[in-house]
Structures are given as structure tokens and as C-alpha cells.
Amino acid sequence: MYRFSIGDENWIILFSQHLSLDSKEKEAIIRSIAIMGPQWAGFSHGESFVIFHELIGAIVIRIEKIPSLILTVSAVVPRDRWYINDKNIIEPFEN
């Protein structure tokens, strides 16, 4: 669990128990969330958002505002697990 403040609001970042992340990956995720800052603070309770990180992949984060201000990192999907539906054909996503 990590705590930080934005303005007068105190937030908590949690990582879902099923995630297996090393400390460097967690630090990169926390930095990404911090950089985004006030943008996600405007989202509503129960909403989720995704950050695409070049090294880690897609990071799915859920926002809770009741009873506390909590961001939960609920999933991390590496790039080699991304797929795209192109005209009803599912293929690996490539940039």
C-alpha cells in the first residue's frame, strides 16, 4: 500500500493480491499514476482507466472514492497478450 496527497486529498494505491510485480514495476506504475495526477482525480467512484506503459504493458486501475480515496491496480497485461479484433479476426496487436 502506498499513500500520497494531491491538494487536500489523501489517496491510497493498492495492488491486487493476484498481481506478481517486482518493486521496479510497482515504482514505474506509481510514477505513471502520479504523473497523470489531477486527470484521474476527476473520474467518478467505480470508474476504471488504463495506462499504456512502454515496458510494463497495459495497467488497469480502478477508482474508489467511498469510503476512502483508493486507486487499485487490478491488472497488468504485457504487450505480448494484447489482441485486436479486425473485421472479426482476432490477431495479436502490433505497433
PDB file of N, CA and C in Angstrom:
ATOM      1  N   MET A   1       0.847  -1.170   0.000  1.00  0.00           N
ATOM      2  CA  MET A   1       0.000   0.000   0.000  1.00  0.00           C
ATOM      3  C   MET A   1       0.893   1.233   0.000  1.00  0.00           C
ATOM      4  N   TYR A   2       0.495   2.207  -0.794  1.00  0.00           N
ATOM      5  CA  TYR A   2       1.239   3.457  -0.906  1.00  0.00           C
ATOM      6  C   TYR A   2       0.269   4.608  -0.680  1.00  0.00           C
ATOM      7  N   ARG A   3       0.724   5.638   0.033  1.00  0.00           N
ATOM      8  CA  ARG A   3      -0.109   6.811   0.316  1.00  0.00           C
ATOM      9  C   ARG A   3       0.535   8.053  -0.272  1.00  0.00           C
ATOM     10  N   PHE A   4      -0.313   8.965  -0.771  1.00  0.00           N
ATOM     11  CA  PHE A   4       0.187  10.242  -1.265  1.00  0.00           C
ATOM     12  C   PHE A   4      -0.959  11.245  -1.268  1.00  0.00           C
ATOM     13  N   SER A   5      -0.632  12.509  -1.447  1.00  0.00           N
ATOM     14  CA  SER A   5      -1.633  13.574  -1.441  1.00  0.00           C
ATOM     15  C   SER A   5      -1.614  14.338  -2.750  1.00  0.00           C
ATOM     16  N   ILE A   6      -2.797  14.743  -3.164  1.00  0.00           N
ATOM     17  CA  ILE A   6      -2.949  15.685  -4.274  1.00  0.00           C
ATOM     18  C   ILE A   6      -3.856  16.779  -3.730  1.00  0.00           C
ATOM     19  N   GLY A   7      -3.300  17.973  -3.599  1.00  0.00           N
ATOM     20  CA  GLY A   7      -4.052  19.059  -2.984  1.00  0.00           C
ATOM     21  C   GLY A   7      -4.370  18.695  -1.546  1.00  0.00           C
ATOM     22  N   ASP A   8      -5.638  18.767  -1.181  1.00  0.00           N
ATOM     23  CA  ASP A   8      -6.041  18.435   0.190  1.00  0.00           C
ATOM     24  C   ASP A   8      -6.604  17.018   0.304  1.00  0.00           C
ATOM     25  N   GLU A   9      -6.448  16.209  -0.748  1.00  0.00           N
ATOM     26  CA  GLU A   9      -6.962  14.836  -0.739  1.00  0.00           C
ATOM     27  C   GLU A   9      -5.827  13.832  -0.532  1.00  0.00           C
ATOM     28  N   ASN A  10      -6.059  12.889   0.377  1.00  0.00           N
ATOM     29  CA  ASN A  10      -5.101  11.816   0.631  1.00  0.00           C
ATOM     30  C   ASN A  10      -5.566  10.553  -0.082  1.00  0.00           C
ATOM     31  N   TRP A  11      -4.707  10.018  -0.938  1.00  0.00           N
ATOM     32  CA  TRP A  11      -5.021   8.849  -1.750  1.00  0.00           C
ATOM     33  C   TRP A  11      -4.179   7.654  -1.314  1.00  0.00           C
ATOM     34  N   ILE A  12      -4.706   6.467  -1.590  1.00  0.00           N
ATOM     35  CA  ILE A  12      -4.007   5.207  -1.334  1.00  0.00           C
ATOM     36  C   ILE A  12      -3.928   4.452  -2.655  1.00  0.00           C
ATOM     37  N   ILE A  13      -2.761   3.877  -2.951  1.00  0.00           N
ATOM     38  CA  ILE A  13      -2.621   2.986  -4.111  1.00  0.00           C
ATOM     39  C   ILE A  13      -2.460   1.568  -3.585  1.00  0.00           C
ATOM     40  N   LEU A  14      -3.316   0.677  -4.065  1.00  0.00           N
ATOM     41  CA  LEU A  14      -3.244  -0.741  -3.719  1.00  0.00           C
ATOM     42  C   LEU A  14      -2.968  -1.551  -4.976  1.00  0.00           C
ATOM     43  N   PHE A  15      -2.301  -2.665  -4.805  1.00  0.00           N
ATOM     44  CA  PHE A  15      -2.078  -3.610  -5.895  1.00  0.00           C
ATOM     45  C   PHE A  15      -2.868  -4.869  -5.571  1.00  0.00           C
ATOM     46  N   SER A  16      -3.700  -5.325  -6.505  1.00  0.00           N
ATOM     47  CA  SER A  16      -4.470  -6.553  -6.289  1.00  0.00           C
ATOM     48  C   SER A  16      -3.533  -7.683  -5.887  1.00  0.00           C
ATOM     49  N   GLN A  17      -4.008  -8.518  -4.980  1.00  0.00           N
ATOM     50  CA  GLN A  17      -3.176  -9.587  -4.428  1.00  0.00           C
ATOM     51  C   GLN A  17      -2.703 -10.579  -5.474  1.00  0.00           C
ATOM     52  N   HIS A  18      -3.468 -10.768  -6.529  1.00  0.00           N
ATOM     53  CA  HIS A  18      -3.105 -11.767  -7.537  1.00  0.00           C
ATOM     54  C   HIS A  18      -1.972 -11.300  -8.454  1.00  0.00           C
ATOM     55  N   LEU A  19      -1.616 -10.011  -8.400  1.00  0.00           N
ATOM     56  CA  LEU A  19      -0.547  -9.497  -9.265  1.00  0.00           C
ATOM     57  C   LEU A  19       0.820  -9.885  -8.723  1.00  0.00           C
ATOM     58  N   SER A  20       1.682 -10.298  -9.618  1.00  0.00           N
ATOM     59  CA  SER A  20       3.053 -10.645  -9.255  1.00  0.00           C
ATOM     60  C   SER A  20       3.981  -9.624  -9.914  1.00  0.00           C
ATOM     61  N   LEU A  21       4.273  -8.552  -9.178  1.00  0.00           N
ATOM     62  CA  LEU A  21       5.096  -7.467  -9.705  1.00  0.00           C
ATOM     63  C   LEU A  21       6.307  -7.260  -8.812  1.00  0.00           C
ATOM     64  N   ASP A  22       7.449  -6.969  -9.432  1.00  0.00           N
ATOM     65  CA  ASP A  22       8.616  -6.662  -8.612  1.00  0.00           C
ATOM     66  C   ASP A  22       8.578  -5.186  -8.220  1.00  0.00           C
ATOM     67  N   SER A  23       9.484  -4.774  -7.351  1.00  0.00           N
ATOM     68  CA  SER A  23       9.463  -3.402  -6.833  1.00  0.00           C
ATOM     69  C   SER A  23       9.696  -2.364  -7.931  1.00  0.00           C
ATOM     70  N   LYS A  24      10.524  -2.675  -8.936  1.00  0.00           N
ATOM     71  CA  LYS A  24      10.757  -1.728 -10.035  1.00  0.00           C
ATOM     72  C   LYS A  24       9.484  -1.504 -10.845  1.00  0.00           C
ATOM     73  N   GLU A  25       8.731  -2.577 -11.086  1.00  0.00           N
ATOM     74  CA  GLU A  25       7.472  -2.449 -11.829  1.00  0.00           C
ATOM     75  C   GLU A  25       6.456  -1.627 -11.031  1.00  0.00           C
ATOM     76  N   LYS A  26       6.372  -1.898  -9.728  1.00  0.00           N
ATOM     77  CA  LYS A  26       5.454  -1.130  -8.883  1.00  0.00           C
ATOM     78  C   LYS A  26       5.830   0.348  -8.875  1.00  0.00           C
ATOM     79  N   GLU A  27       7.117   0.635  -8.757  1.00  0.00           N
ATOM     80  CA  GLU A  27       7.575   2.030  -8.763  1.00  0.00           C
ATOM     81  C   GLU A  27       7.224   2.720 -10.079  1.00  0.00           C
ATOM     82  N   ALA A  28       7.399   2.030 -11.198  1.00  0.00           N
ATOM     83  CA  ALA A  28       7.065   2.604 -12.506  1.00  0.00           C
ATOM     84  C   ALA A  28       5.562   2.880 -12.608  1.00  0.00           C
ATOM     85  N   ILE A  29       4.757   1.988 -12.074  1.00  0.00           N
ATOM     86  CA  ILE A  29       3.307   2.179 -12.092  1.00  0.00           C
ATOM     87  C   ILE A  29       2.922   3.372 -11.223  1.00  0.00           C
ATOM     88  N   ILE A  30       3.493   3.455 -10.034  1.00  0.00           N
ATOM     89  CA  ILE A  30       3.198   4.574  -9.133  1.00  0.00           C
ATOM     90  C   ILE A  30       3.609   5.897  -9.767  1.00  0.00           C
ATOM     91  N   ARG A  31       4.770   5.931 -10.411  1.00  0.00           N
ATOM     92  CA  ARG A  31       5.213   7.154 -11.106  1.00  0.00           C
ATOM     93  C   ARG A  31       4.230   7.544 -12.207  1.00  0.00           C
ATOM     94  N   SER A  32       3.768   6.558 -12.968  1.00  0.00           N
ATOM     95  CA  SER A  32       2.811   6.837 -14.045  1.00  0.00           C
ATOM     96  C   SER A  32       1.512   7.413 -13.491  1.00  0.00           C
ATOM     97  N   ILE A  33       1.028   6.840 -12.402  1.00  0.00           N
ATOM     98  CA  ILE A  33      -0.198   7.342 -11.772  1.00  0.00           C
ATOM     99  C   ILE A  33       0.022   8.768 -11.267  1.00  0.00           C
ATOM    100  N   ALA A  34       1.167   9.011 -10.648  1.00  0.00           N
ATOM    101  CA  ALA A  34       1.462  10.348 -10.116  1.00  0.00           C
ATOM    102  C   ALA A  34       1.555  11.388 -11.227  1.00  0.00           C
ATOM    103  N   ILE A  35       2.174  11.020 -12.344  1.00  0.00           N
ATOM    104  CA  ILE A  35       2.299  11.949 -13.476  1.00  0.00           C
ATOM    105  C   ILE A  35       0.917  12.337 -13.995  1.00  0.00           C
ATOM    106  N   MET A  36       0.013  11.374 -14.017  1.00  0.00           N
ATOM    107  CA  MET A  36      -1.337  11.636 -14.512  1.00  0.00           C
ATOM    108  C   MET A  36      -2.102  12.564 -13.571  1.00  0.00           C
ATOM    109  N   GLY A  37      -1.799  12.453 -12.275  1.00  0.00           N
ATOM    110  CA  GLY A  37      -2.310  13.340 -11.239  1.00  0.00           C
ATOM    111  C   GLY A  37      -3.767  13.723 -11.306  1.00  0.00           C
ATOM    112  N   PRO A  38      -4.029  15.026 -11.404  1.00  0.00           N
ATOM    113  CA  PRO A  38      -5.399  15.530 -11.316  1.00  0.00           C
ATOM    114  C   PRO A  38      -6.344  15.000 -12.401  1.00  0.00           C
ATOM    115  N   GLN A  39      -5.825  14.463 -13.484  1.00  0.00           N
ATOM    116  CA  GLN A  39      -6.704  13.932 -14.540  1.00  0.00           C
ATOM    117  C   GLN A  39      -7.592  12.815 -14.000  1.00  0.00           C
ATOM    118  N   TRP A  40      -7.004  11.845 -13.287  1.00  0.00           N
ATOM    119  CA  TRP A  40      -7.817  10.745 -12.774  1.00  0.00           C
ATOM    120  C   TRP A  40      -8.588  11.147 -11.530  1.00  0.00           C
ATOM    121  N   ALA A  41      -8.146  12.193 -10.827  1.00  0.00           N
ATOM    122  CA  ALA A  41      -8.871  12.646  -9.639  1.00  0.00           C
ATOM    123  C   ALA A  41     -10.278  13.126 -10.009  1.00  0.00           C
ATOM    124  N   GLY A  42     -10.484  13.520 -11.258  1.00  0.00           N
ATOM    125  CA  GLY A  42     -11.792  13.972 -11.714  1.00  0.00           C
ATOM    126  C   GLY A  42     -12.743  12.847 -12.102  1.00  0.00           C
ATOM    127  N   PHE A  43     -12.247  11.605 -12.159  1.00  0.00           N
ATOM    128  CA  PHE A  43     -13.108  10.477 -12.504  1.00  0.00           C
ATOM    129  C   PHE A  43     -14.039  10.154 -11.334  1.00  0.00           C
ATOM    130  N   SER A  44     -15.129   9.472 -11.619  1.00  0.00           N
ATOM    131  CA  SER A  44     -16.119   9.119 -10.604  1.00  0.00           C
ATOM    132  C   SER A  44     -15.775   7.808  -9.906  1.00  0.00           C
ATOM    133  N   HIS A  45     -16.394   7.618  -8.750  1.00  0.00           N
ATOM    134  CA  HIS A  45     -16.265   6.377  -7.989  1.00  0.00           C
ATOM    135  C   HIS A  45     -16.696   5.196  -8.859  1.00  0.00           C
ATOM    136  N   GLY A  46     -15.909   4.140  -8.852  1.00  0.00           N
ATOM    137  CA  GLY A  46     -16.243   2.932  -9.598  1.00  0.00           C
ATOM    138  C   GLY A  46     -15.727   2.900 -11.019  1.00  0.00           C
ATOM    139  N   GLU A  47     -15.222   4.029 -11.516  1.00  0.00           N
ATOM    140  CA  GLU A  47     -14.679   4.049 -12.875  1.00  0.00           C
ATOM    141  C   GLU A  47     -13.288   3.421 -12.896  1.00  0.00           C
ATOM    142  N   SER A  48     -12.872   3.025 -14.082  1.00  0.00           N
ATOM    143  CA  SER A  48     -11.528   2.485 -14.296  1.00  0.00           C
ATOM    144  C   SER A  48     -10.869   3.238 -15.432  1.00  0.00           C
ATOM    145  N   PHE A  49      -9.552   3.173 -15.466  1.00  0.00           N
ATOM    146  CA  PHE A  49      -8.815   3.735 -16.590  1.00  0.00           C
ATOM    147  C   PHE A  49      -7.606   2.858 -16.862  1.00  0.00           C
ATOM    148  N   VAL A  50      -7.013   3.036 -18.041  1.00  0.00           N
ATOM    149  CA  VAL A  50      -5.874   2.224 -18.464  1.00  0.00           C
ATOM    150  C   VAL A  50      -4.718   3.150 -18.810  1.00  0.00           C
ATOM    151  N   ILE A  51      -3.541   2.788 -18.336  1.00  0.00           N
ATOM    152  CA  ILE A  51      -2.307   3.470 -18.726  1.00  0.00           C
ATOM    153  C   ILE A  51      -1.500   2.467 -19.545  1.00  0.00           C
ATOM    154  N   PHE A  52      -1.067   2.871 -20.727  1.00  0.00           N
ATOM    155  CA  PHE A  52      -0.214   2.017 -21.548  1.00  0.00           C
ATOM    156  C   PHE A  52       1.234   2.411 -21.277  1.00  0.00           C
ATOM    157  N   HIS A  53       1.962   1.512 -20.642  1.00  0.00           N
ATOM    158  CA  HIS A  53       3.358   1.756 -20.274  1.00  0.00           C
ATOM    159  C   HIS A  53       4.253   0.979 -21.230  1.00  0.00           C
ATOM    160  N   GLU A  54       5.246   1.636 -21.774  1.00  0.00           N
ATOM    161  CA  GLU A  54       6.094   1.032 -22.807  1.00  0.00           C
ATOM    162  C   GLU A  54       6.735  -0.284 -22.370  1.00  0.00           C
ATOM    163  N   LEU A  55       7.201  -0.368 -21.131  1.00  0.00           N
ATOM    164  CA  LEU A  55       7.902  -1.571 -20.677  1.00  0.00           C
ATOM    165  C   LEU A  55       6.996  -2.574 -19.972  1.00  0.00           C
ATOM    166  N   ILE A  56       5.988  -2.091 -19.271  1.00  0.00           N
ATOM    167  CA  ILE A  56       5.147  -2.966 -18.452  1.00  0.00           C
ATOM    168  C   ILE A  56       3.952  -3.504 -19.225  1.00  0.00           C
ATOM    169  N   GLY A  57       3.333  -2.649 -20.031  1.00  0.00           N
ATOM    170  CA  GLY A  57       2.143  -3.038 -20.782  1.00  0.00           C
ATOM    171  C   GLY A  57       0.950  -2.198 -20.379  1.00  0.00           C
ATOM    172  N   ALA A  58      -0.241  -2.767 -20.477  1.00  0.00           N
ATOM    173  CA  ALA A  58      -1.474  -2.066 -20.124  1.00  0.00           C
ATOM    174  C   ALA A  58      -1.730  -2.249 -18.629  1.00  0.00           C
ATOM    175  N   ILE A  59      -1.910  -1.135 -17.942  1.00  0.00           N
ATOM    176  CA  ILE A  59      -2.137  -1.142 -16.498  1.00  0.00           C
ATOM    177  C   ILE A  59      -3.577  -0.697 -16.266  1.00  0.00           C
ATOM    178  N   VAL A  60      -4.380  -1.559 -15.646  1.00  0.00           N
ATOM    179  CA  VAL A  60      -5.788  -1.255 -15.392  1.00  0.00           C
ATOM    180  C   VAL A  60      -5.932  -0.814 -13.938  1.00  0.00           C
ATOM    181  N   ILE A  61      -6.537   0.374 -13.751  1.00  0.00           N
ATOM    182  CA  ILE A  61      -6.654   0.962 -12.420  1.00  0.00           C
ATOM    183  C   ILE A  61      -8.113   1.314 -12.159  1.00  0.00           C
ATOM    184  N   ARG A  62      -8.614   0.895 -10.985  1.00  0.00           N
ATOM    185  CA  ARG A  62      -9.996   1.173 -10.577  1.00  0.00           C
ATOM    186  C   ARG A  62      -9.983   2.260  -9.502  1.00  0.00           C
ATOM    187  N   ILE A  63     -10.958   3.171  -9.577  1.00  0.00           N
ATOM    188  CA  ILE A  63     -11.048   4.288  -8.639  1.00  0.00           C
ATOM    189  C   ILE A  63     -12.175   4.036  -7.643  1.00  0.00           C
ATOM    190  N   GLU A  64     -11.845   4.202  -6.360  1.00  0.00           N
ATOM    191  CA  GLU A  64     -12.858   4.159  -5.306  1.00  0.00           C
ATOM    192  C   GLU A  64     -12.776   5.478  -4.556  1.00  0.00           C
ATOM    193  N   LYS A  65     -13.922   6.066  -4.309  1.00  0.00           N
ATOM    194  CA  LYS A  65     -13.940   7.323  -3.562  1.00  0.00           C
ATOM    195  C   LYS A  65     -14.767   7.216  -2.285  1.00  0.00           C
ATOM    196  N   ILE A  66     -15.435   6.071  -2.105  1.00  0.00           N
ATOM    197  CA  ILE A  66     -16.270   5.872  -0.929  1.00  0.00           C
ATOM    198  C   ILE A  66     -15.864   4.559  -0.282  1.00  0.00           C
ATOM    199  N   PRO A  67     -15.518   4.439   0.945  1.00  0.00           N
ATOM    200  CA  PRO A  67     -15.423   5.499   1.943  1.00  0.00           C
ATOM    201  C   PRO A  67     -14.085   6.249   1.905  1.00  0.00           C
ATOM    202  N   SER A  68     -13.103   5.721   1.183  1.00  0.00           N
ATOM    203  CA  SER A  68     -11.784   6.354   1.112  1.00  0.00           C
ATOM    204  C   SER A  68     -11.397   6.571  -0.342  1.00  0.00           C
ATOM    205  N   LEU A  69     -10.363   7.371  -0.553  1.00  0.00           N
ATOM    206  CA  LEU A  69      -9.848   7.632  -1.897  1.00  0.00           C
ATOM    207  C   LEU A  69      -8.773   6.595  -2.209  1.00  0.00           C
ATOM    208  N   ILE A  70      -9.143   5.594  -3.015  1.00  0.00           N
ATOM    209  CA  ILE A  70      -8.257   4.458  -3.278  1.00  0.00           C
ATOM    210  C   ILE A  70      -8.148   4.216  -4.780  1.00  0.00           C
ATOM    211  N   LEU A  71      -6.927   4.005  -5.241  1.00  0.00           N
ATOM    212  CA  LEU A  71      -6.665   3.561  -6.608  1.00  0.00           C
ATOM    213  C   LEU A  71      -6.157   2.133  -6.501  1.00  0.00           C
ATOM    214  N   THR A  72      -6.842   1.194  -7.143  1.00  0.00           N
ATOM    215  CA  THR A  72      -6.429  -0.205  -7.103  1.00  0.00           C
ATOM    216  C   THR A  72      -5.922  -0.619  -8.472  1.00  0.00           C
ATOM    217  N   VAL A  73      -4.667  -1.045  -8.517  1.00  0.00           N
ATOM    218  CA  VAL A  73      -4.100  -1.597  -9.747  1.00  0.00           C
ATOM    219  C   VAL A  73      -4.629  -3.026  -9.820  1.00  0.00           C
ATOM    220  N   SER A  74      -5.589  -3.249 -10.720  1.00  0.00           N
ATOM    221  CA  SER A  74      -6.285  -4.535 -10.743  1.00  0.00           C
ATOM    222  C   SER A  74      -5.737  -5.515 -11.766  1.00  0.00           C
ATOM    223  N   ALA A  75      -5.031  -5.009 -12.786  1.00  0.00           N
ATOM    224  CA  ALA A  75      -4.466  -5.905 -13.798  1.00  0.00           C
ATOM    225  C   ALA A  75      -3.306  -5.226 -14.511  1.00  0.00           C
ATOM    226  N   VAL A  76      -2.367  -6.052 -14.923  1.00  0.00           N
ATOM    227  CA  VAL A  76      -1.261  -5.614 -15.773  1.00  0.00           C
ATOM    228  C   VAL A  76      -1.186  -6.628 -16.906  1.00  0.00           C
ATOM    229  N   VAL A  77      -1.345  -6.135 -18.133  1.00  0.00           N
ATOM    230  CA  VAL A  77      -1.361  -7.020 -19.299  1.00  0.00           C
ATOM    231  C   VAL A  77      -0.158  -6.692 -20.175  1.00  0.00           C
ATOM    232  N   PRO A  78       0.831  -7.603 -20.245  1.00  0.00           N
ATOM    233  CA  PRO A  78       2.006  -7.340 -21.080  1.00  0.00           C
ATOM    234  C   PRO A  78       1.633  -7.249 -22.560  1.00  0.00           C
ATOM    235  N   ARG A  79       2.445  -6.524 -23.308  1.00  0.00           N
ATOM    236  CA  ARG A  79       2.163  -6.267 -24.729  1.00  0.00           C
ATOM    237  C   ARG A  79       1.967  -7.544 -25.540  1.00  0.00           C
ATOM    238  N   ASP A  80       2.645  -8.620 -25.184  1.00  0.00           N
ATOM    239  CA  ASP A  80       2.502  -9.850 -25.964  1.00  0.00           C
ATOM    240  C   ASP A  80       1.162 -10.557 -25.714  1.00  0.00           C
ATOM    241  N   ARG A  81       0.332  -9.975 -24.837  1.00  0.00           N
ATOM    242  CA  ARG A  81      -1.002 -10.519 -24.571  1.00  0.00           C
ATOM    243  C   ARG A  81      -2.106  -9.591 -25.081  1.00  0.00           C
ATOM    244  N   TRP A  82      -1.737  -8.587 -25.888  1.00  0.00           N
ATOM    245  CA  TRP A  82      -2.719  -7.668 -26.467  1.00  0.00           C
ATOM    246  C   TRP A  82      -3.197  -8.236 -27.796  1.00  0.00           C
ATOM    247  N   TYR A  83      -4.504  -8.144 -28.024  1.00  0.00           N
ATOM    248  CA  TYR A  83      -5.100  -8.614 -29.268  1.00  0.00           C
ATOM    249  C   TYR A  83      -6.048  -7.555 -29.807  1.00  0.00           C
ATOM    250  N   ILE A  84      -6.291  -7.600 -31.101  1.00  0.00           N
ATOM    251  CA  ILE A  84      -7.198  -6.660 -31.751  1.00  0.00           C
ATOM    252  C   ILE A  84      -8.190  -7.443 -32.602  1.00  0.00           C
ATOM    253  N   ASN A  85      -9.441  -6.982 -32.577  1.00  0.00           N
ATOM    254  CA  ASN A  85     -10.483  -7.575 -33.408  1.00  0.00           C
ATOM    255  C   ASN A  85     -10.574  -6.727 -34.669  1.00  0.00           C
ATOM    256  N   ASP A  86     -10.088  -7.258 -35.763  1.00  0.00           N
ATOM    257  CA  ASP A  86     -10.098  -6.549 -37.040  1.00  0.00           C
ATOM    258  C   ASP A  86     -10.985  -7.322 -38.009  1.00  0.00           C
ATOM    259  N   LYS A  87     -12.190  -6.809 -38.222  1.00  0.00           N
ATOM    260  CA  LYS A  87     -13.154  -7.443 -39.129  1.00  0.00           C
ATOM    261  C   LYS A  87     -13.424  -8.890 -38.726  1.00  0.00           C
ATOM    262  N   ASN A  88     -13.680  -9.074 -37.434  1.00  0.00           N
ATOM    263  CA  ASN A  88     -13.994 -10.377 -36.841  1.00  0.00           C
ATOM    264  C   ASN A  88     -12.852 -11.375 -36.905  1.00  0.00           C
ATOM    265  N   ILE A  89     -11.652 -10.885 -37.051  1.00  0.00           N
ATOM    266  CA  ILE A  89     -10.464 -11.734 -36.957  1.00  0.00           C
ATOM    267  C   ILE A  89      -9.655 -11.224 -35.767  1.00  0.00           C
ATOM    268  N   ILE A  90      -9.409 -12.109 -34.807  1.00  0.00           N
ATOM    269  CA  ILE A  90      -8.633 -11.730 -33.630  1.00  0.00           C
ATOM    270  C   ILE A  90      -7.169 -12.041 -33.902  1.00  0.00           C
ATOM    271  N   GLU A  91      -6.359 -10.986 -33.847  1.00  0.00           N
ATOM    272  CA  GLU A  91      -4.930 -11.133 -34.122  1.00  0.00           C
ATOM    273  C   GLU A  91      -4.128 -10.419 -33.049  1.00  0.00           C
ATOM    274  N   PRO A  92      -2.876 -10.836 -32.844  1.00  0.00           N
ATOM    275  CA  PRO A  92      -2.023 -10.103 -31.903  1.00  0.00           C
ATOM    276  C   PRO A  92      -1.893  -8.641 -32.331  1.00  0.00           C
ATOM    277  N   PHE A  93      -1.948  -7.756 -31.349  1.00  0.00           N
ATOM    278  CA  PHE A  93      -1.798  -6.328 -31.604  1.00  0.00           C
ATOM    279  C   PHE A  93      -0.322  -6.017 -31.792  1.00  0.00           C
ATOM    280  N   GLU A  94      -0.001  -5.298 -32.828  1.00  0.00           N
ATOM    281  CA  GLU A  94       1.383  -4.891 -33.093  1.00  0.00           C
ATOM    282  C   GLU A  94       1.392  -3.415 -33.412  1.00  0.00           C
ATOM    283  N   ASN A  95       2.438  -2.711 -32.939  1.00  0.00           N
ATOM    284  CA  ASN A  95       2.569  -1.290 -33.302  1.00  0.00           C
ATOM    285  C   ASN A  95       3.532  -1.185 -34.442  1.00  0.00           C
TER     286      ASN A  95
END
